Amino acid sequence: MTTRTSSKTVIFDNPFSLKSVDQMVPAGNYRVDTDEELLEGLSFVAYRRVSTVMFLPAKSRRGSSVEMVTIDPLDLQAERDAELRSER
């Protein structure tokens, strides 16, 4: 199975929460990776998302530690939309 990974940075100007994270996340820049697998047997190229992860500060006291958390991309988009609405 062929897999591809895409990365993007999302920026939050305010603290936010996600359903899959049990704490408020501080404002900042966060990397989000999405893994997709090639759907074989079709007459065109298509991919299906298999996972989306976000890199968050780890709960430990070390400032450079990060935690990779599986998230729902729809939940992330809802938070981004809410932040944009609050800026208006």
Protein backbone atom coordinates (compact mmCIF):
# COMPACT_ATOMS: atom_id res chain seq x y z
CA MET A 1 0.00 0.00 0.00
CA THR A 2 1.39 3.39 -0.97
CA THR A 3 1.16 6.03 1.75
CA ARG A 4 1.85 9.74 1.64
CA THR A 5 2.19 12.24 4.46
CA SER A 6 1.45 15.95 4.21
CA SER A 7 2.38 18.52 6.86
CA LYS A 8 1.00 21.95 7.58
CA THR A 9 1.31 24.52 10.32
CA VAL A 10 -1.80 25.87 11.99
CA ILE A 11 -1.63 29.07 14.00
CA PHE A 12 -3.82 29.83 16.99
CA ASP A 13 -3.79 33.34 18.44
CA ASN A 14 -5.77 32.20 21.50
CA PRO A 15 -5.77 29.10 23.72
CA PHE A 16 -8.02 26.37 22.34
CA SER A 17 -9.33 22.90 23.09
CA LEU A 18 -9.91 19.79 21.01
CA LYS A 19 -12.14 16.83 21.85
CA SER A 20 -9.19 14.43 21.76
CA VAL A 21 -7.04 16.56 24.10
CA ASP A 22 -7.93 16.67 27.80
CA GLN A 23 -6.48 20.14 28.46
CA MET A 24 -6.52 23.65 27.07
CA VAL A 25 -3.76 24.10 24.51
CA PRO A 26 -1.84 27.39 24.60
CA ALA A 27 -1.85 29.75 21.64
CA GLY A 28 0.95 29.12 19.16
CA ASN A 29 2.05 27.45 15.94
CA TYR A 30 1.37 23.72 15.67
CA ARG A 31 2.42 21.12 13.11
CA VAL A 32 -0.32 18.85 11.78
CA ASP A 33 0.54 15.73 9.74
CA THR A 34 -1.98 13.80 7.69
CA ASP A 35 -1.30 10.27 6.41
CA GLU A 36 -3.20 9.07 3.36
CA GLU A 37 -3.12 5.77 1.53
CA LEU A 38 -3.53 5.22 -2.20
CA LEU A 39 -6.81 3.62 -3.22
CA GLU A 40 -5.79 0.95 -5.71
CA GLY A 41 -7.87 -0.48 -8.50
CA LEU A 42 -9.47 2.78 -9.60
CA SER A 43 -9.19 4.35 -13.06
CA PHE A 44 -7.90 7.56 -11.41
CA VAL A 45 -5.52 8.43 -8.57
CA ALA A 46 -7.26 8.83 -5.23
CA TYR A 47 -6.16 8.79 -1.60
CA ARG A 48 -8.01 8.10 1.66
CA ARG A 49 -7.04 9.80 4.94
CA VAL A 50 -6.00 7.24 7.51
CA SER A 51 -4.77 9.49 10.33
CA THR A 52 -4.23 13.09 11.37
CA VAL A 53 -1.87 13.96 14.19
CA MET A 54 -0.99 17.24 15.87
CA PHE A 55 2.26 17.94 17.68
CA LEU A 56 1.52 19.56 21.05
CA PRO A 57 3.70 20.56 24.00
CA ALA A 58 4.19 17.53 26.24
CA LYS A 59 2.70 17.58 29.70
CA SER A 60 6.18 17.19 31.20
CA ARG A 61 8.14 20.12 32.51
CA ARG A 62 10.65 20.07 29.67
CA GLY A 63 9.98 22.93 27.30
CA SER A 64 11.33 21.13 24.23
CA SER A 65 9.24 17.95 24.61
CA VAL A 66 6.35 17.37 22.23
CA GLU A 67 3.48 14.93 22.21
CA MET A 68 1.94 13.54 19.03
CA VAL A 69 -1.86 13.38 19.44
CA THR A 70 -4.30 11.80 17.00
CA ILE A 71 -7.02 14.33 16.21
CA ASP A 72 -10.19 14.59 14.15
CA PRO A 73 -9.52 17.08 11.32
CA LEU A 74 -13.15 18.24 11.51
CA ASP A 75 -12.65 19.12 15.18
CA LEU A 76 -9.52 21.10 14.27
CA GLN A 77 -11.38 22.94 11.51
CA ALA A 78 -14.23 23.79 13.88
CA GLU A 79 -11.75 25.35 16.33
CA ARG A 80 -10.09 27.32 13.53
CA ASP A 81 -13.49 28.56 12.34
CA ALA A 82 -14.47 29.56 15.89
CA GLU A 83 -11.26 31.54 16.28
CA LEU A 84 -11.82 33.34 12.98
CA ARG A 85 -15.38 34.24 14.02
CA SER A 86 -14.15 35.64 17.34
CA GLU A 87 -11.64 37.90 15.55
CA ARG A 88 -14.37 39.67 13.59
